[in-house]
Amino acid sequence: MVQYKSNHIALAEFFCSRETIPPLAGIALQVAYQTVVWSNRANTRKALARLNKAQLDDIGVSEADAKTELRKPFWRA
């Protein structure tokens, strides 16, 4: 499946990559970033679960691929 990055994810990646922030702030940003990634992944999979066969065909995803994706826990890409 195609993954996209929203603005808040790109911003979190930028701040996590900076070396000038305090270590504790870096850890907090990493935790916040991972929470956003997991939430985004869970929401995307919920939306995928609501699609019917015709809609899946429109986006180029087979039913088997959709079922495989839906079986994954939110923490697994």
C-alpha atoms as a PDB file:
ATOM      1  CA  MET A   1       0.000   0.000   0.000  1.00  0.00           C
ATOM      2  CA  VAL A   2       1.127   3.534  -0.633  1.00  0.00           C
ATOM      3  CA  GLN A   3       1.995   5.428   2.515  1.00  0.00           C
ATOM      4  CA  TYR A   4       1.798   9.198   2.687  1.00  0.00           C
ATOM      5  CA  LYS A   5       3.240  11.596   5.202  1.00  0.00           C
ATOM      6  CA  SER A   6       1.085  14.309   6.609  1.00  0.00           C
ATOM      7  CA  ASN A   7       2.533  17.654   7.593  1.00  0.00           C
ATOM      8  CA  HIS A   8       2.641  16.807  11.294  1.00  0.00           C
ATOM      9  CA  ILE A   9       4.634  13.628  10.620  1.00  0.00           C
ATOM     10  CA  ALA A  10       7.121  15.502   8.427  1.00  0.00           C
ATOM     11  CA  LEU A  11       7.474  18.192  11.105  1.00  0.00           C
ATOM     12  CA  ALA A  12       8.051  15.591  13.836  1.00  0.00           C
ATOM     13  CA  GLU A  13      10.715  13.887  11.703  1.00  0.00           C
ATOM     14  CA  PHE A  14      12.439  17.241  11.206  1.00  0.00           C
ATOM     15  CA  PHE A  15      12.566  17.994  14.931  1.00  0.00           C
ATOM     16  CA  CYS A  16      13.625  14.452  15.844  1.00  0.00           C
ATOM     17  CA  SER A  17      16.556  14.705  13.437  1.00  0.00           C
ATOM     18  CA  ARG A  18      17.906  17.921  14.990  1.00  0.00           C
ATOM     19  CA  GLU A  19      20.893  17.594  17.279  1.00  0.00           C
ATOM     20  CA  THR A  20      20.335  20.882  19.097  1.00  0.00           C
ATOM     21  CA  ILE A  21      17.307  19.914  21.173  1.00  0.00           C
ATOM     22  CA  PRO A  22      17.686  18.565  24.721  1.00  0.00           C
ATOM     23  CA  PRO A  23      17.801  14.760  24.992  1.00  0.00           C
ATOM     24  CA  LEU A  24      14.539  14.498  26.954  1.00  0.00           C
ATOM     25  CA  ALA A  25      12.748  16.659  24.376  1.00  0.00           C
ATOM     26  CA  GLY A  26      14.093  14.366  21.657  1.00  0.00           C
ATOM     27  CA  ILE A  27      12.688  11.322  23.433  1.00  0.00           C
ATOM     28  CA  ALA A  28       9.332  13.047  23.906  1.00  0.00           C
ATOM     29  CA  LEU A  29       9.241  13.937  20.211  1.00  0.00           C
ATOM     30  CA  GLN A  30      10.050  10.370  19.230  1.00  0.00           C
ATOM     31  CA  VAL A  31       7.242   9.047  21.432  1.00  0.00           C
ATOM     32  CA  ALA A  32       4.829  11.620  20.001  1.00  0.00           C
ATOM     33  CA  TYR A  33       5.940  10.804  16.461  1.00  0.00           C
ATOM     34  CA  GLN A  34       5.456   7.059  16.952  1.00  0.00           C
ATOM     35  CA  THR A  35       2.019   7.670  18.479  1.00  0.00           C
ATOM     36  CA  VAL A  36       0.995   9.707  15.422  1.00  0.00           C
ATOM     37  CA  VAL A  37       2.307   7.026  13.047  1.00  0.00           C
ATOM     38  CA  TRP A  38       0.417   4.283  14.881  1.00  0.00           C
ATOM     39  CA  SER A  39      -2.775   6.338  15.049  1.00  0.00           C
ATOM     40  CA  ASN A  40      -2.561   7.162  11.355  1.00  0.00           C
ATOM     41  CA  ARG A  41      -1.987   3.490  10.505  1.00  0.00           C
ATOM     42  CA  ALA A  42      -4.952   2.370  12.634  1.00  0.00           C
ATOM     43  CA  ASN A  43      -7.255   4.991  11.089  1.00  0.00           C
ATOM     44  CA  THR A  44      -6.160   4.061   7.572  1.00  0.00           C
ATOM     45  CA  ARG A  45      -6.880   0.394   8.224  1.00  0.00           C
ATOM     46  CA  LYS A  46     -10.309   1.238   9.666  1.00  0.00           C
ATOM     47  CA  ALA A  47     -11.096   3.182   6.492  1.00  0.00           C
ATOM     48  CA  LEU A  48      -9.841   0.280   4.363  1.00  0.00           C
ATOM     49  CA  ALA A  49     -12.157  -2.092   6.240  1.00  0.00           C
ATOM     50  CA  ARG A  50     -15.172   0.015   5.236  1.00  0.00           C
ATOM     51  CA  LEU A  51     -14.471  -0.224   1.484  1.00  0.00           C
ATOM     52  CA  ASN A  52     -16.506  -2.582  -0.696  1.00  0.00           C
ATOM     53  CA  LYS A  53     -15.100  -4.621  -3.609  1.00  0.00           C
ATOM     54  CA  ALA A  54     -15.814  -1.938  -6.217  1.00  0.00           C
ATOM     55  CA  GLN A  55     -14.072   0.704  -4.120  1.00  0.00           C
ATOM     56  CA  LEU A  56     -11.087  -1.594  -3.567  1.00  0.00           C
ATOM     57  CA  ASP A  57     -10.901  -2.143  -7.331  1.00  0.00           C
ATOM     58  CA  ASP A  58     -10.952   1.626  -7.854  1.00  0.00           C
ATOM     59  CA  ILE A  59      -7.862   2.093  -5.703  1.00  0.00           C
ATOM     60  CA  GLY A  60      -6.124  -0.986  -7.115  1.00  0.00           C
ATOM     61  CA  VAL A  61      -6.223  -3.167  -4.008  1.00  0.00           C
ATOM     62  CA  SER A  62      -7.378  -6.765  -4.164  1.00  0.00           C
ATOM     63  CA  GLU A  63      -9.626  -8.200  -1.487  1.00  0.00           C
ATOM     64  CA  ALA A  64      -6.838 -10.576  -0.476  1.00  0.00           C
ATOM     65  CA  ASP A  65      -4.380  -7.686  -0.066  1.00  0.00           C
ATOM     66  CA  ALA A  66      -6.941  -5.744   1.960  1.00  0.00           C
ATOM     67  CA  LYS A  67      -7.554  -8.732   4.254  1.00  0.00           C
ATOM     68  CA  THR A  68      -3.808  -9.193   4.722  1.00  0.00           C
ATOM     69  CA  GLU A  69      -3.419  -5.519   5.647  1.00  0.00           C
ATOM     70  CA  LEU A  70      -6.384  -5.625   8.028  1.00  0.00           C
ATOM     71  CA  ARG A  71      -4.930  -8.595   9.933  1.00  0.00           C
ATOM     72  CA  LYS A  72      -1.847  -6.608  10.896  1.00  0.00           C
ATOM     73  CA  PRO A  73      -1.711  -4.902  14.301  1.00  0.00           C
ATOM     74  CA  PHE A  74      -1.347  -1.124  14.279  1.00  0.00           C
ATOM     75  CA  TRP A  75       2.324  -1.264  15.213  1.00  0.00           C
ATOM     76  CA  ARG A  76       3.296  -3.341  12.175  1.00  0.00           C
ATOM     77  CA  ALA A  77       3.876  -1.573   8.837  1.00  0.00           C
END
